[in-house]
Amino acid sequence: MMALEHARSGQVIEVLRRDGDDLSQFSAIALARTDELELIRMCMPKGKTMPEHHVLGEITLLCLQGQVAVDTHGKEQVLGPGQMLYLHGGQAHALAAREDSLLLLTILMHKAGR
């Protein structure tokens, strides 16, 4: 299997596939990555969970399809299509897909000394 090339500046990225998506298999594909930013397209099938974890950089999680429960800041919130959640760097969170779901995760990379 050939490695996916990261998008270049100015390149259009297909996040939603025109022929429909198979969201029944988990995948996390980096669409673009620089020293300061990473964009990840995540498919989470219904029932898939990601245990509590944290990322050093600030993140946004945008739900494009499906429903994903996010447990953070001591409460659970459900993201549906078109809804986004922002978390500051280091904030613990867990995910659980309530339906086959497609998410766009943005990570601002943590820089030492910032």
Protein backbone atom coordinates (compact mmCIF):
# COMPACT_ATOMS: atom_id res chain seq x y z
CA MET A 1 0.00 0.00 0.00
CA MET A 2 1.43 3.35 -1.01
CA ALA A 3 1.68 6.06 1.63
CA LEU A 4 -0.77 8.92 1.20
CA GLU A 5 0.94 12.16 0.28
CA HIS A 6 0.09 15.12 2.45
CA ALA A 7 -1.71 17.98 0.74
CA ARG A 8 0.34 20.91 -0.47
CA SER A 9 -0.49 24.55 0.18
CA GLY A 10 -3.32 25.57 -2.15
CA GLN A 11 -4.37 21.99 -2.95
CA VAL A 12 -8.08 21.09 -2.67
CA ILE A 13 -8.64 18.21 -0.23
CA GLU A 14 -11.58 15.82 -0.64
CA VAL A 15 -12.75 15.26 2.92
CA LEU A 16 -16.17 13.90 1.93
CA ARG A 17 -15.86 11.32 -0.82
CA ARG A 18 -18.18 11.87 -3.74
CA ASP A 19 -18.91 8.14 -4.07
CA GLY A 20 -19.87 7.88 -0.41
CA ASP A 21 -17.77 6.74 2.50
CA ASP A 22 -17.39 3.34 4.07
CA LEU A 23 -17.43 4.42 7.70
CA SER A 24 -17.58 0.85 9.01
CA GLN A 25 -13.78 0.62 9.39
CA PHE A 26 -11.70 2.78 11.71
CA SER A 27 -9.12 4.96 9.99
CA ALA A 28 -7.14 8.06 10.84
CA ILE A 29 -5.42 9.62 7.83
CA ALA A 30 -3.22 12.71 8.02
CA LEU A 31 -4.39 14.97 5.18
CA ALA A 32 -1.82 17.70 5.78
CA ARG A 33 1.02 18.17 8.20
CA THR A 34 3.47 20.95 8.91
CA ASP A 35 5.63 21.76 11.91
CA GLU A 36 2.72 23.70 13.40
CA LEU A 37 -0.48 22.05 12.11
CA GLU A 38 -1.90 18.59 11.45
CA LEU A 39 -5.24 17.81 9.75
CA ILE A 40 -6.56 14.27 10.28
CA ARG A 41 -9.59 12.65 8.63
CA MET A 42 -11.00 10.10 11.08
CA CYS A 43 -13.59 7.41 10.38
CA MET A 44 -15.08 5.93 13.55
CA PRO A 45 -17.54 3.05 13.13
CA LYS A 46 -20.50 2.80 15.53
CA GLY A 47 -19.31 1.45 18.88
CA LYS A 48 -15.65 2.43 18.35
CA THR A 49 -14.15 4.18 21.35
CA MET A 50 -10.94 6.03 22.04
CA PRO A 51 -10.09 5.89 25.75
CA GLU A 52 -9.22 9.05 27.63
CA HIS A 53 -6.09 10.69 26.26
CA HIS A 54 -4.71 14.16 25.63
CA VAL A 55 -2.78 16.01 22.95
CA LEU A 56 -0.21 18.67 23.83
CA GLY A 57 -1.48 21.10 21.20
CA GLU A 58 -4.86 22.76 20.91
CA ILE A 59 -7.38 20.78 18.87
CA THR A 60 -10.68 21.13 17.09
CA LEU A 61 -12.92 18.18 16.30
CA LEU A 62 -15.48 18.72 13.53
CA CYS A 63 -18.19 16.11 12.98
CA LEU A 64 -19.03 15.76 9.27
CA GLN A 65 -21.25 12.66 9.45
CA GLY A 66 -22.71 10.53 12.24
CA GLN A 67 -22.64 11.19 15.99
CA VAL A 68 -19.71 11.04 18.38
CA ALA A 69 -19.88 11.42 22.16
CA VAL A 70 -16.97 13.41 23.60
CA ASP A 71 -16.26 13.07 27.31
CA THR A 72 -14.25 16.05 28.54
CA HIS A 73 -14.33 18.73 31.23
CA GLY A 74 -16.32 16.33 33.43
CA LYS A 75 -19.26 15.94 31.05
CA GLU A 76 -20.32 14.13 27.91
CA GLN A 77 -21.40 16.06 24.83
CA VAL A 78 -22.59 14.58 21.55
CA LEU A 79 -21.35 16.10 18.29
CA GLY A 80 -23.55 15.74 15.22
CA PRO A 81 -22.99 16.77 11.60
CA GLY A 82 -21.75 20.36 11.35
CA GLN A 83 -20.86 20.62 15.03
CA MET A 84 -17.34 21.34 16.27
CA LEU A 85 -15.59 21.18 19.62
CA TYR A 86 -12.43 23.07 20.64
CA LEU A 87 -10.12 21.78 23.38
CA HIS A 88 -7.09 23.56 24.78
CA GLY A 89 -3.75 21.77 24.78
CA GLY A 90 -3.41 18.97 27.31
CA GLN A 91 -7.18 18.65 27.96
CA ALA A 92 -8.09 15.01 28.62
CA HIS A 93 -10.89 13.64 26.44
CA ALA A 94 -12.43 10.34 25.33
CA LEU A 95 -14.50 9.56 22.23
CA ALA A 96 -17.29 7.07 21.51
CA ALA A 97 -18.99 6.76 18.11
CA ARG A 98 -22.78 6.53 18.51
CA GLU A 99 -23.14 6.03 14.74
CA ASP A 100 -20.71 5.38 11.89
CA SER A 101 -18.99 8.76 11.88
CA LEU A 102 -16.60 10.94 9.91
CA LEU A 103 -14.56 13.58 11.75
CA LEU A 104 -12.00 16.20 10.84
CA LEU A 105 -9.42 16.68 13.59
CA THR A 106 -7.16 19.73 13.60
CA ILE A 107 -4.13 19.81 15.88
CA LEU A 108 -1.97 22.86 16.50
CA MET A 109 1.40 21.35 17.36
CA HIS A 110 2.84 22.17 20.75
CA LYS A 111 6.10 24.07 20.57
CA ALA A 112 8.52 24.04 23.46
CA GLY A 113 8.97 27.51 24.92
CA ARG A 114 5.69 28.87 23.60
